[in-house]
Protein backbone atom coordinates (compact mmCIF):
# COMPACT_ATOMS: atom_id res chain seq x y z
CA MET A 1 -0.22 0.02 -0.01
CA TYR A 2 2.82 2.32 1.07
CA ASP A 3 5.54 3.21 -1.07
CA HIS A 4 7.14 5.17 2.23
CA VAL A 5 5.72 6.67 5.29
CA THR A 6 7.75 9.48 6.74
CA ILE A 7 7.95 11.12 10.13
CA ARG A 8 9.71 14.19 11.13
CA VAL A 9 11.33 13.72 14.69
CA SER A 10 12.71 16.51 17.36
CA ASP A 11 15.75 14.18 18.05
CA LEU A 12 17.22 12.52 15.06
CA GLY A 13 19.57 10.62 17.21
CA ALA A 14 17.04 9.42 19.75
CA SER A 15 14.88 8.34 17.31
CA GLU A 16 16.97 6.20 15.31
CA ARG A 17 18.01 4.65 18.35
CA PHE A 18 14.91 4.20 19.16
CA TYR A 19 13.75 2.73 16.16
CA SER A 20 17.08 0.62 15.77
CA THR A 21 16.21 -1.03 18.77
CA VAL A 22 12.77 -2.07 18.45
CA LEU A 23 12.92 -2.96 15.06
CA ASP A 24 16.15 -4.94 15.71
CA ARG A 25 18.12 -3.61 12.79
CA GLU A 26 19.99 -0.57 11.64
CA PRO A 27 18.26 2.01 8.98
CA VAL A 28 19.87 2.82 5.70
CA GLY A 29 19.93 6.58 4.18
CA GLU A 30 21.50 9.74 5.12
CA ALA A 31 19.10 12.75 5.11
CA TYR A 32 16.13 10.37 5.98
CA ARG A 33 16.86 7.19 8.20
CA GLU A 34 15.01 4.04 5.99
CA TRP A 35 13.83 0.93 7.42
CA ASP A 36 12.43 -0.21 4.41
CA ASP A 37 8.69 1.68 4.07
CA PHE A 38 9.20 3.48 7.52
CA SER A 39 11.64 6.63 7.34
CA ILE A 40 12.48 9.41 9.60
CA GLY A 41 13.91 12.88 9.29
CA GLN A 42 14.89 15.81 11.43
CA ALA A 43 12.15 18.48 12.08
CA GLY A 44 13.21 22.06 11.15
CA ASP A 45 13.44 24.61 8.45
CA GLY A 46 9.51 24.60 8.26
CA GLU A 47 8.97 20.88 8.81
CA ALA A 48 7.67 20.27 12.14
CA VAL A 49 7.34 17.44 14.45
CA THR A 50 4.67 14.33 13.93
CA ARG A 51 2.63 14.08 16.50
CA HIS A 52 -0.61 11.37 17.58
CA LEU A 53 0.21 8.73 14.73
CA HIS A 54 -0.26 5.39 15.35
CA VAL A 55 2.28 2.95 13.26
CA ALA A 56 2.20 -0.84 13.44
CA PHE A 57 4.98 -3.37 12.21
CA ALA A 58 4.05 -6.62 11.16
CA ALA A 59 5.40 -9.64 13.07
CA SER A 60 5.54 -13.39 11.82
CA SER A 61 4.96 -14.81 15.47
CA GLN A 62 3.96 -13.77 19.09
CA GLU A 63 7.38 -14.50 20.34
CA GLU A 64 8.78 -11.86 17.72
CA VAL A 65 6.13 -9.06 19.01
CA ASP A 66 7.29 -10.18 22.61
CA ALA A 67 10.90 -9.83 21.88
CA PHE A 68 10.04 -6.26 19.96
CA TRP A 69 8.35 -4.56 23.42
CA ARG A 70 10.71 -6.18 25.92
CA ARG A 71 13.82 -4.22 23.48
CA GLY A 72 12.39 -1.29 23.90
CA VAL A 73 11.29 -1.42 27.49
CA ASP A 74 14.53 -2.84 28.55
CA ALA A 75 16.41 0.09 26.47
CA GLY A 76 14.21 2.63 28.78
CA CYS A 77 11.29 3.25 26.21
CA GLU A 78 7.95 4.16 27.97
CA SER A 79 5.18 1.17 27.07
CA ASP A 80 1.69 2.00 25.53
CA GLY A 81 0.11 -1.69 26.17
CA ASP A 82 2.14 -4.67 27.22
CA PRO A 83 2.06 -8.15 24.89
CA GLY A 84 -1.06 -9.70 24.63
CA LEU A 85 -4.45 -10.83 22.59
CA ARG A 86 -6.76 -7.77 21.72
CA PRO A 87 -9.64 -10.01 20.45
CA HIS A 88 -11.55 -6.67 20.41
CA TYR A 89 -9.66 -6.22 17.19
CA HIS A 90 -9.65 -10.04 15.90
CA PRO A 91 -9.81 -13.23 17.97
CA ASP A 92 -6.26 -13.86 16.92
CA TYR A 93 -4.65 -10.52 17.10
CA TYR A 94 -1.54 -10.18 19.20
CA GLY A 95 0.18 -6.72 19.85
CA ALA A 96 2.48 -4.87 22.02
CA PHE A 97 3.05 -0.97 21.96
CA LEU A 98 5.66 1.52 22.87
CA LEU A 99 5.56 5.47 22.78
CA ASP A 100 8.64 6.52 20.40
CA PRO A 101 10.68 9.80 21.57
CA ASP A 102 7.94 11.92 20.58
CA GLY A 103 4.88 10.23 21.76
CA ASN A 104 3.75 8.26 18.82
CA SER A 105 2.37 4.83 19.49
CA VAL A 106 4.57 2.13 17.77
CA GLU A 107 3.24 -1.26 17.67
CA SER A 108 4.40 -5.02 16.77
CA CYS A 109 1.54 -7.14 15.95
CA THR A 110 0.91 -10.59 14.52
CA GLY A 111 -2.64 -13.20 14.01
CA PHE A 112 -4.50 -10.65 11.73
CA ARG A 113 -1.66 -9.74 9.41
CA LYS A 114 -2.93 -7.04 6.66
CA GLY A 115 0.39 -6.14 5.65
CA GLY A 116 1.43 -8.76 2.89
CA ASP A 117 4.86 -8.78 2.58
CA ALA A 118 4.88 -4.99 3.69
CA PRO A 119 6.53 -4.22 6.88
CA ILE A 120 3.84 -1.31 7.99
CA ASP A 121 1.06 -3.71 8.91
CA HIS A 122 -0.95 -0.58 9.32
CA LEU A 123 -1.65 3.24 10.52
CA TRP A 124 -3.95 5.20 12.99
CA ILE A 125 -4.78 8.46 11.86
CA GLY A 126 -6.63 10.64 13.96
CA VAL A 127 -8.63 13.49 12.17
CA GLY A 128 -10.25 17.03 12.91
CA ASP A 129 -13.44 16.34 10.82
CA LEU A 130 -14.06 12.76 9.56
CA GLY A 131 -16.44 13.72 7.46
CA GLU A 132 -14.01 15.96 5.30
CA SER A 133 -11.69 13.36 5.92
CA LEU A 134 -13.61 10.67 3.97
CA ARG A 135 -14.20 12.96 1.44
CA PHE A 136 -10.58 13.63 0.63
CA TRP A 137 -10.21 9.77 0.37
CA GLN A 138 -13.27 9.25 -1.72
CA ALA A 139 -11.77 11.75 -4.23
CA VAL A 140 -7.93 10.13 -4.22
CA ALA A 141 -8.32 6.45 -3.33
CA PRO A 142 -9.47 5.35 -6.84
CA VAL A 143 -6.65 7.11 -8.47
CA LEU A 144 -4.33 5.43 -6.10
CA GLY A 145 -5.62 2.16 -6.54
CA LEU A 146 -6.95 1.99 -2.88
CA GLY A 147 -10.24 1.04 -1.42
CA ILE A 148 -12.77 2.65 1.64
CA SER A 149 -14.21 0.09 3.60
CA ASP A 150 -15.67 -0.18 7.38
CA MET A 151 -17.35 3.13 7.58
CA HIS A 152 -18.91 4.22 10.68
CA GLU A 153 -19.64 6.96 12.67
CA ASP A 154 -16.35 7.32 14.17
CA HIS A 155 -13.58 5.84 11.53
CA PHE A 156 -13.29 4.33 8.11
CA HIS A 157 -10.24 1.87 6.53
CA VAL A 158 -8.29 3.02 3.80
CA TYR A 159 -6.85 0.25 2.27
CA ALA A 160 -5.08 -1.96 -0.58
CA ALA A 161 -6.56 -5.59 -1.21
CA GLY A 162 -4.34 -7.87 0.86
CA ARG A 163 -2.13 -5.77 1.82
CA SER A 164 -1.72 -2.92 4.88
CA SER A 165 -4.29 -0.20 5.37
CA ALA A 166 -4.76 3.06 7.62
CA LEU A 167 -7.76 3.51 10.18
CA VAL A 168 -8.64 6.88 9.79
CA ALA A 169 -10.60 7.74 13.06
CA ASP A 170 -12.24 10.70 15.06
CA GLY A 171 -12.08 10.88 18.67
CA ARG A 172 -8.50 11.01 19.02
CA PRO A 173 -6.37 14.00 18.55
CA PRO A 174 -5.39 14.77 14.86
CA THR A 175 -1.94 13.15 13.29
CA GLU A 176 -0.06 15.99 12.60
CA ASN A 177 2.70 16.55 9.82
CA VAL A 178 3.14 12.89 8.72
CA HIS A 179 4.13 12.22 5.00
CA LEU A 180 2.36 9.27 3.07
CA ALA A 181 3.52 8.44 -0.22
CA PHE A 182 1.61 5.81 -2.48
CA PRO A 183 3.07 4.00 -5.44
CA VAL A 184 1.21 4.59 -9.07
CA PRO A 185 2.27 3.10 -12.05
CA ASP A 186 3.01 5.77 -14.30
CA ASP A 187 3.92 9.32 -14.59
CA GLU A 188 0.53 10.02 -16.16
CA THR A 189 -1.36 8.58 -12.83
CA VAL A 190 1.09 10.94 -10.95
CA ALA A 191 -0.43 13.83 -12.75
CA GLU A 192 -3.79 12.57 -12.40
CA PHE A 193 -3.76 12.32 -8.48
CA HIS A 194 -2.60 16.04 -8.48
CA ARG A 195 -4.97 17.09 -10.77
CA VAL A 196 -8.18 14.97 -9.08
CA ALA A 197 -7.36 16.38 -5.71
CA THR A 198 -6.87 20.17 -6.60
CA ALA A 199 -9.90 20.02 -8.44
CA ALA A 200 -11.45 18.76 -5.33
CA GLY A 201 -10.17 21.75 -3.62
CA TYR A 202 -7.51 20.63 -1.76
CA ARG A 203 -4.11 22.26 -1.44
CA ASP A 204 -1.27 21.32 -4.04
CA ASN A 205 2.11 21.01 -2.14
CA GLY A 206 3.98 20.33 -5.18
CA GLY A 207 3.24 19.62 -8.48
CA PRO A 208 3.54 16.61 -10.71
CA GLY A 209 7.30 16.46 -11.90
CA GLU A 210 10.86 14.78 -11.21
CA ARG A 211 12.74 14.76 -8.22
CA PRO A 212 16.20 13.82 -8.92
CA GLU A 213 17.42 14.69 -5.59
CA TYR A 214 15.45 11.58 -4.24
CA HIS A 215 16.98 9.35 -7.43
CA ALA A 216 16.91 9.86 -11.15
CA GLY A 217 13.41 9.19 -12.19
CA TYR A 218 11.55 9.73 -9.16
CA VAL A 219 8.26 11.31 -10.40
CA GLY A 220 5.89 12.56 -7.55
CA ALA A 221 3.16 15.03 -6.49
CA PHE A 222 1.97 16.06 -3.54
CA VAL A 223 -1.12 17.59 -1.91
CA LEU A 224 -2.28 18.23 1.74
CA ASP A 225 -5.11 16.18 3.50
CA PRO A 226 -7.57 18.08 5.46
CA ASP A 227 -5.30 18.12 8.26
CA GLY A 228 -2.13 19.59 6.36
CA ASN A 229 -0.77 15.97 6.33
CA ASN A 230 1.42 15.53 3.11
CA VAL A 231 0.10 12.57 0.48
CA GLU A 232 2.26 11.95 -2.25
CA ALA A 233 1.52 9.61 -5.54
CA VAL A 234 5.07 8.35 -6.71
CA ASN A 235 6.32 6.45 -9.82
CA HIS A 236 9.79 5.16 -9.55
CA ASN A 237 11.36 5.46 -13.30
CA ARG A 238 14.22 2.60 -12.93
């Protein structure tokens, strides 16, 4: 579902240590520190810290979930929920939760995996106005090859079939300053995403074009969702 999810952090070194510890591996990249489809970058120069995000990483077993939580707690990280079954999500759903240095909730989960081969299983995104957020995703989801389901008075899901998802929820603090990038098959779809979103009244944050500072052939377009989060369509011509 995600090409990448990027958060901005208040202390790059502290956040890199946190995610390297709990994910049990070192990142790659320089300007952005990357663990597959998840990355962090230093806040500043007009880029504010990401707040009120929940990101869940898929695990292959309950033992892997336990180890994620134990590594974090032993390193002095704050628990946000001990390892255990969460049957209110699914009878076999097993998860554990920690808080990153900026207070975002970070989970490892197994038993009802939606993520396919993607490390990110799901996000929980708080919004200021659920109806307005639904209208945004209804506008851009078809272009991005995503679906919308499970619509309730306080939440809905954005998903890619058989893969990871985002739970967009009212009643929790709005998520701030997260960057969500979605892969599309060609440059024309990048441009169509931007056209559809801006025609629907959503704010341009960077028109379609190549971004060689990322890599040659990187073509993306950016718009802001109703809460000001940066949403991108990207095609990698390589």
